[in-house]
Amino acid sequence: MNPRSAYFDAIADKWDGWDDLVLLAKRMAAGLAHFGVKPHETIVDIGCGTGNLTSALLTALGEAGKVVAVDISPRMIEVARGKIRDARVTWHVGTAESLPVGDSSVDRIVCFSVWPHLVDHQSTLAEFARVLRPGGLLHIWHLISRHKVNEIHGSAGEAVRGDHLHPAVETAATLTAEGYQVHEAVEDAEHYLLTASKPSG
């Protein structure tokens, strides 16, 4: 098994106890409003974990909206499925480099608290470009500072200890190099966010 999969399997049952889920839901809702999520969208939740972002997305979406929730950890998916029973979600154990959706079929991809764990950014961004519709958006998002992310990972298990989040300007440069148009790249003590649109052509 992938060492990261095993690591996240091992902490899946503890995950929700490490956060104030009511406050998290409020902050996620505010973020999704900022993103301009529309009721009909199809959205991929990369690294969905225990489903907290998936739940927030379902609240923001209407009846025609859909969430494709993907995680490398089977146990994380099990926990999420136990919490969320909604026909608008499809759950998939898999990687960001090989998404279970068709070409140009997705309106938006959200990488919430997962970008540092995606080790092959070139392949990942190529796959995101494949599945996003023209004008589709990618969000790389954390609700804590970059320094806090790196501090947590640095003191975590060996499988994720080297998974560093780089400064927003560096991540923006990575996106630009792969043909994405970066619309927003901000980081402060409370959050880290990049928003970019699919490469044209």
C-alpha atoms as a PDB file:
ATOM      1  CA  MET A   1       0.000   0.000   0.000  1.00  0.00           C
ATOM      2  CA  ASN A   2       1.090   3.579  -0.678  1.00  0.00           C
ATOM      3  CA  PRO A   3       2.680   4.889   2.568  1.00  0.00           C
ATOM      4  CA  ARG A   4       0.472   7.987   2.464  1.00  0.00           C
ATOM      5  CA  SER A   5      -2.649   5.820   2.075  1.00  0.00           C
ATOM      6  CA  ALA A   6      -1.637   3.786   5.115  1.00  0.00           C
ATOM      7  CA  TYR A   7      -0.875   6.932   7.105  1.00  0.00           C
ATOM      8  CA  PHE A   8      -4.274   8.490   6.414  1.00  0.00           C
ATOM      9  CA  ASP A   9      -6.070   5.188   6.988  1.00  0.00           C
ATOM     10  CA  ALA A  10      -4.516   5.116  10.454  1.00  0.00           C
ATOM     11  CA  ILE A  11      -5.733   8.596  11.431  1.00  0.00           C
ATOM     12  CA  ALA A  12      -9.124   8.611   9.686  1.00  0.00           C
ATOM     13  CA  ASP A  13     -11.121   7.782  12.817  1.00  0.00           C
ATOM     14  CA  LYS A  14      -9.407  10.575  14.774  1.00  0.00           C
ATOM     15  CA  TRP A  15      -9.554  13.229  12.055  1.00  0.00           C
ATOM     16  CA  ASP A  16     -12.816  14.983  12.924  1.00  0.00           C
ATOM     17  CA  GLY A  17     -11.842  15.224  16.581  1.00  0.00           C
ATOM     18  CA  TRP A  18      -8.952  17.518  15.699  1.00  0.00           C
ATOM     19  CA  ASP A  19     -11.131  20.394  14.487  1.00  0.00           C
ATOM     20  CA  ASP A  20     -14.117  22.495  15.488  1.00  0.00           C
ATOM     21  CA  LEU A  21     -16.427  21.175  12.773  1.00  0.00           C
ATOM     22  CA  VAL A  22     -19.085  23.865  13.268  1.00  0.00           C
ATOM     23  CA  LEU A  23     -16.542  26.652  12.827  1.00  0.00           C
ATOM     24  CA  LEU A  24     -14.918  24.781   9.946  1.00  0.00           C
ATOM     25  CA  ALA A  25     -18.260  24.495   8.149  1.00  0.00           C
ATOM     26  CA  LYS A  26     -18.824  28.254   8.520  1.00  0.00           C
ATOM     27  CA  ARG A  27     -15.386  29.078   7.178  1.00  0.00           C
ATOM     28  CA  MET A  28     -15.825  26.666   4.282  1.00  0.00           C
ATOM     29  CA  ALA A  29     -19.218  28.164   3.417  1.00  0.00           C
ATOM     30  CA  ALA A  30     -17.687  31.644   3.361  1.00  0.00           C
ATOM     31  CA  GLY A  31     -14.884  30.398   1.128  1.00  0.00           C
ATOM     32  CA  LEU A  32     -17.247  28.733  -1.321  1.00  0.00           C
ATOM     33  CA  ALA A  33     -19.302  31.925  -1.505  1.00  0.00           C
ATOM     34  CA  HIS A  34     -16.079  33.795  -2.312  1.00  0.00           C
ATOM     35  CA  PHE A  35     -15.331  31.254  -5.054  1.00  0.00           C
ATOM     36  CA  GLY A  36     -18.764  31.892  -6.593  1.00  0.00           C
ATOM     37  CA  VAL A  37     -19.916  28.267  -6.625  1.00  0.00           C
ATOM     38  CA  LYS A  38     -23.089  27.945  -8.717  1.00  0.00           C
ATOM     39  CA  PRO A  39     -25.937  25.510  -7.947  1.00  0.00           C
ATOM     40  CA  HIS A  40     -25.543  23.351 -11.072  1.00  0.00           C
ATOM     41  CA  GLU A  41     -21.779  22.761 -10.964  1.00  0.00           C
ATOM     42  CA  THR A  42     -19.897  19.474 -11.018  1.00  0.00           C
ATOM     43  CA  ILE A  43     -17.007  19.766  -8.572  1.00  0.00           C
ATOM     44  CA  VAL A  44     -14.131  17.421  -7.784  1.00  0.00           C
ATOM     45  CA  ASP A  45     -13.068  17.324  -4.129  1.00  0.00           C
ATOM     46  CA  ILE A  46      -9.447  16.145  -4.192  1.00  0.00           C
ATOM     47  CA  GLY A  47      -8.328  14.496  -0.963  1.00  0.00           C
ATOM     48  CA  CYS A  48     -11.867  14.569   0.402  1.00  0.00           C
ATOM     49  CA  GLY A  49     -10.841  12.928   3.675  1.00  0.00           C
ATOM     50  CA  THR A  50     -13.775  12.495   6.038  1.00  0.00           C
ATOM     51  CA  GLY A  51     -16.048  14.565   3.813  1.00  0.00           C
ATOM     52  CA  ASN A  52     -16.129  17.948   5.521  1.00  0.00           C
ATOM     53  CA  LEU A  53     -15.580  19.923   2.326  1.00  0.00           C
ATOM     54  CA  THR A  54     -17.895  17.569   0.439  1.00  0.00           C
ATOM     55  CA  SER A  55     -20.635  18.405   2.939  1.00  0.00           C
ATOM     56  CA  ALA A  56     -20.027  22.137   2.502  1.00  0.00           C
ATOM     57  CA  LEU A  57     -20.108  21.756  -1.286  1.00  0.00           C
ATOM     58  CA  LEU A  58     -23.432  19.905  -1.143  1.00  0.00           C
ATOM     59  CA  THR A  59     -24.898  22.744   0.905  1.00  0.00           C
ATOM     60  CA  ALA A  60     -23.721  25.265  -1.696  1.00  0.00           C
ATOM     61  CA  LEU A  61     -24.960  23.227  -4.667  1.00  0.00           C
ATOM     62  CA  GLY A  62     -28.510  22.733  -5.876  1.00  0.00           C
ATOM     63  CA  GLU A  63     -30.280  19.542  -6.889  1.00  0.00           C
ATOM     64  CA  ALA A  64     -28.455  19.413 -10.221  1.00  0.00           C
ATOM     65  CA  GLY A  65     -25.027  19.872  -8.654  1.00  0.00           C
ATOM     66  CA  LYS A  66     -22.616  16.975  -8.257  1.00  0.00           C
ATOM     67  CA  VAL A  67     -19.506  16.252  -6.187  1.00  0.00           C
ATOM     68  CA  VAL A  68     -16.857  13.740  -7.197  1.00  0.00           C
ATOM     69  CA  ALA A  69     -15.033  12.966  -3.938  1.00  0.00           C
ATOM     70  CA  VAL A  70     -11.591  11.356  -4.282  1.00  0.00           C
ATOM     71  CA  ASP A  71      -9.100  10.195  -1.656  1.00  0.00           C
ATOM     72  CA  ILE A  72      -6.166   7.780  -1.542  1.00  0.00           C
ATOM     73  CA  SER A  73      -7.315   6.448   1.842  1.00  0.00           C
ATOM     74  CA  PRO A  74     -10.041   3.777   1.782  1.00  0.00           C
ATOM     75  CA  ARG A  75     -10.746   4.358   5.469  1.00  0.00           C
ATOM     76  CA  MET A  76     -11.201   8.114   4.982  1.00  0.00           C
ATOM     77  CA  ILE A  77     -13.765   7.329   2.281  1.00  0.00           C
ATOM     78  CA  GLU A  78     -15.536   4.862   4.584  1.00  0.00           C
ATOM     79  CA  VAL A  79     -15.823   7.474   7.335  1.00  0.00           C
ATOM     80  CA  ALA A  80     -17.074  10.091   4.862  1.00  0.00           C
ATOM     81  CA  ARG A  81     -19.692   7.741   3.393  1.00  0.00           C
ATOM     82  CA  GLY A  82     -20.934   6.983   6.882  1.00  0.00           C
ATOM     83  CA  LYS A  83     -21.495  10.693   7.519  1.00  0.00           C
ATOM     84  CA  ILE A  84     -22.901  11.752   4.149  1.00  0.00           C
ATOM     85  CA  ARG A  85     -25.677   9.937   2.339  1.00  0.00           C
ATOM     86  CA  ASP A  86     -26.480  12.055  -0.678  1.00  0.00           C
ATOM     87  CA  ALA A  87     -27.028  10.836  -4.242  1.00  0.00           C
ATOM     88  CA  ARG A  88     -25.225  13.890  -5.600  1.00  0.00           C
ATOM     89  CA  VAL A  89     -21.882  12.495  -4.397  1.00  0.00           C
ATOM     90  CA  THR A  90     -19.803   9.754  -5.969  1.00  0.00           C
ATOM     91  CA  TRP A  91     -16.983   8.407  -3.805  1.00  0.00           C
ATOM     92  CA  HIS A  92     -13.721   7.125  -5.263  1.00  0.00           C
ATOM     93  CA  VAL A  93     -10.554   5.685  -3.754  1.00  0.00           C
ATOM     94  CA  GLY A  94      -7.885   6.951  -6.110  1.00  0.00           C
ATOM     95  CA  THR A  95      -5.275   9.562  -6.923  1.00  0.00           C
ATOM     96  CA  ALA A  96      -5.327  13.079  -8.331  1.00  0.00           C
ATOM     97  CA  GLU A  97      -3.279  11.890 -11.316  1.00  0.00           C
ATOM     98  CA  SER A  98      -6.054   9.583 -12.560  1.00  0.00           C
ATOM     99  CA  LEU A  99      -9.537  10.965 -12.003  1.00  0.00           C
ATOM    100  CA  PRO A 100     -12.686   8.919 -12.702  1.00  0.00           C
ATOM    101  CA  VAL A 101     -14.350  11.566 -14.873  1.00  0.00           C
ATOM    102  CA  GLY A 102     -14.477  12.362 -18.565  1.00  0.00           C
ATOM    103  CA  ASP A 103     -12.631  15.013 -20.513  1.00  0.00           C
ATOM    104  CA  SER A 104     -13.886  18.589 -20.056  1.00  0.00           C
ATOM    105  CA  SER A 105     -16.643  17.432 -17.699  1.00  0.00           C
ATOM    106  CA  VAL A 106     -15.895  19.341 -14.478  1.00  0.00           C
ATOM    107  CA  ASP A 107     -16.596  22.963 -13.577  1.00  0.00           C
ATOM    108  CA  ARG A 108     -14.289  23.225 -10.594  1.00  0.00           C
ATOM    109  CA  ILE A 109     -11.609  21.314  -8.695  1.00  0.00           C
ATOM    110  CA  VAL A 110     -10.913  22.019  -5.035  1.00  0.00           C
ATOM    111  CA  CYS A 111      -7.692  20.843  -3.384  1.00  0.00           C
ATOM    112  CA  PHE A 112      -8.491  21.531   0.258  1.00  0.00           C
ATOM    113  CA  SER A 113      -5.648  20.785   2.684  1.00  0.00           C
ATOM    114  CA  VAL A 114      -4.112  18.307   0.232  1.00  0.00           C
ATOM    115  CA  TRP A 115      -1.784  20.080  -2.227  1.00  0.00           C
ATOM    116  CA  PRO A 116       1.461  19.306  -0.318  1.00  0.00           C
ATOM    117  CA  HIS A 117       0.602  15.593  -0.459  1.00  0.00           C
ATOM    118  CA  LEU A 118       0.330  15.617  -4.270  1.00  0.00           C
ATOM    119  CA  VAL A 119       3.923  14.860  -5.141  1.00  0.00           C
ATOM    120  CA  ASP A 120       3.809  14.902  -8.957  1.00  0.00           C
ATOM    121  CA  HIS A 121       2.403  18.350  -9.605  1.00  0.00           C
ATOM    122  CA  GLN A 122       3.080  18.247 -13.354  1.00  0.00           C
ATOM    123  CA  SER A 123       1.052  15.058 -13.863  1.00  0.00           C
ATOM    124  CA  THR A 124      -1.632  16.252 -11.467  1.00  0.00           C
ATOM    125  CA  LEU A 125      -2.062  19.582 -13.230  1.00  0.00           C
ATOM    126  CA  ALA A 126      -2.174  17.855 -16.623  1.00  0.00           C
ATOM    127  CA  GLU A 127      -4.969  15.612 -15.328  1.00  0.00           C
ATOM    128  CA  PHE A 128      -6.843  18.596 -13.901  1.00  0.00           C
ATOM    129  CA  ALA A 129      -6.569  20.320 -17.295  1.00  0.00           C
ATOM    130  CA  ARG A 130      -7.988  17.206 -18.956  1.00  0.00           C
ATOM    131  CA  VAL A 131     -11.115  17.070 -16.821  1.00  0.00           C
ATOM    132  CA  LEU A 132     -11.866  20.781 -16.414  1.00  0.00           C
ATOM    133  CA  ARG A 133     -14.265  22.429 -18.808  1.00  0.00           C
ATOM    134  CA  PRO A 134     -13.054  25.521 -20.710  1.00  0.00           C
ATOM    135  CA  GLY A 135     -12.919  28.267 -18.115  1.00  0.00           C
ATOM    136  CA  GLY A 136     -13.069  25.709 -15.294  1.00  0.00           C
ATOM    137  CA  LEU A 137     -11.423  26.685 -12.023  1.00  0.00           C
ATOM    138  CA  LEU A 138      -8.874  25.131  -9.700  1.00  0.00           C
ATOM    139  CA  HIS A 139      -8.602  26.163  -6.043  1.00  0.00           C
ATOM    140  CA  ILE A 140      -5.648  25.232  -3.827  1.00  0.00           C
ATOM    141  CA  TRP A 141      -6.884  26.035  -0.352  1.00  0.00           C
ATOM    142  CA  HIS A 142      -5.895  25.813   3.304  1.00  0.00           C
ATOM    143  CA  LEU A 143      -7.619  27.448   6.262  1.00  0.00           C
ATOM    144  CA  ILE A 144      -4.402  27.742   8.240  1.00  0.00           C
ATOM    145  CA  SER A 145      -1.139  29.455   7.413  1.00  0.00           C
ATOM    146  CA  ARG A 146       1.536  27.871   5.252  1.00  0.00           C
ATOM    147  CA  HIS A 147       3.877  27.849   8.239  1.00  0.00           C
ATOM    148  CA  LYS A 148       1.305  25.977  10.323  1.00  0.00           C
ATOM    149  CA  VAL A 149       0.784  23.413   7.532  1.00  0.00           C
ATOM    150  CA  ASN A 150       4.510  22.759   7.380  1.00  0.00           C
ATOM    151  CA  GLU A 151       4.811  22.610  11.152  1.00  0.00           C
ATOM    152  CA  ILE A 152       2.045  19.974  11.333  1.00  0.00           C
ATOM    153  CA  HIS A 153       3.559  17.882   8.571  1.00  0.00           C
ATOM    154  CA  GLY A 154       7.056  18.218  10.011  1.00  0.00           C
ATOM    155  CA  SER A 155       5.956  16.631  13.277  1.00  0.00           C
ATOM    156  CA  ALA A 156       3.698  14.009  11.661  1.00  0.00           C
ATOM    157  CA  GLY A 157       4.407  10.486  10.426  1.00  0.00           C
ATOM    158  CA  GLU A 158       7.325   9.751   8.135  1.00  0.00           C
ATOM    159  CA  ALA A 159       5.019   9.282   5.126  1.00  0.00           C
ATOM    160  CA  VAL A 160       4.045  12.983   5.106  1.00  0.00           C
ATOM    161  CA  ARG A 161       6.938  14.617   6.952  1.00  0.00           C
ATOM    162  CA  GLY A 162       8.452  15.947   3.736  1.00  0.00           C
ATOM    163  CA  ASP A 163       5.163  17.222   2.261  1.00  0.00           C
ATOM    164  CA  HIS A 164       5.853  20.953   2.337  1.00  0.00           C
ATOM    165  CA  LEU A 165       3.552  23.748   1.204  1.00  0.00           C
ATOM    166  CA  HIS A 166       5.566  26.303  -0.734  1.00  0.00           C
ATOM    167  CA  PRO A 167       4.968  30.067  -0.767  1.00  0.00           C
ATOM    168  CA  ALA A 168       1.925  31.080  -2.772  1.00  0.00           C
ATOM    169  CA  VAL A 169       4.082  32.910  -5.310  1.00  0.00           C
ATOM    170  CA  GLU A 170       6.004  29.683  -5.990  1.00  0.00           C
ATOM    171  CA  THR A 171       2.828  27.639  -6.372  1.00  0.00           C
ATOM    172  CA  ALA A 172       1.486  30.337  -8.693  1.00  0.00           C
ATOM    173  CA  ALA A 173       4.640  30.019 -10.797  1.00  0.00           C
ATOM    174  CA  THR A 174       4.121  26.242 -10.993  1.00  0.00           C
ATOM    175  CA  LEU A 175       0.570  26.762 -12.215  1.00  0.00           C
ATOM    176  CA  THR A 176       1.642  29.375 -14.752  1.00  0.00           C
ATOM    177  CA  ALA A 177       4.385  27.087 -16.078  1.00  0.00           C
ATOM    178  CA  GLU A 178       1.716  24.456 -16.778  1.00  0.00           C
ATOM    179  CA  GLY A 179      -0.401  26.953 -18.720  1.00  0.00           C
ATOM    180  CA  TYR A 180      -2.921  27.928 -16.050  1.00  0.00           C
ATOM    181  CA  GLN A 181      -4.064  31.503 -15.622  1.00  0.00           C
ATOM    182  CA  VAL A 182      -3.700  32.458 -11.970  1.00  0.00           C
ATOM    183  CA  HIS A 183      -6.446  34.778 -10.713  1.00  0.00           C
ATOM    184  CA  GLU A 184      -5.641  34.829  -7.019  1.00  0.00           C
ATOM    185  CA  ALA A 185      -2.597  33.904  -4.928  1.00  0.00           C
ATOM    186  CA  VAL A 186      -2.751  34.915  -1.279  1.00  0.00           C
ATOM    187  CA  GLU A 187      -1.447  33.659   2.024  1.00  0.00           C
ATOM    188  CA  ASP A 188      -1.597  35.042   5.533  1.00  0.00           C
ATOM    189  CA  ALA A 189      -1.930  33.838   9.115  1.00  0.00           C
ATOM    190  CA  GLU A 190      -5.443  32.510   8.500  1.00  0.00           C
ATOM    191  CA  HIS A 191      -5.401  30.929   5.069  1.00  0.00           C
ATOM    192  CA  TYR A 192      -3.638  30.045   1.844  1.00  0.00           C
ATOM    193  CA  LEU A 193      -5.464  30.254  -1.474  1.00  0.00           C
ATOM    194  CA  LEU A 194      -4.696  30.055  -5.145  1.00  0.00           C
ATOM    195  CA  THR A 195      -7.384  30.219  -7.793  1.00  0.00           C
ATOM    196  CA  ALA A 196      -6.533  29.488 -11.417  1.00  0.00           C
ATOM    197  CA  SER A 197      -8.352  28.617 -14.618  1.00  0.00           C
ATOM    198  CA  LYS A 198      -7.771  25.806 -17.075  1.00  0.00           C
ATOM    199  CA  PRO A 199      -5.083  26.239 -19.715  1.00  0.00           C
ATOM    200  CA  SER A 200      -6.499  27.274 -23.068  1.00  0.00           C
ATOM    201  CA  GLY A 201      -5.812  25.242 -26.168  1.00  0.00           C
END
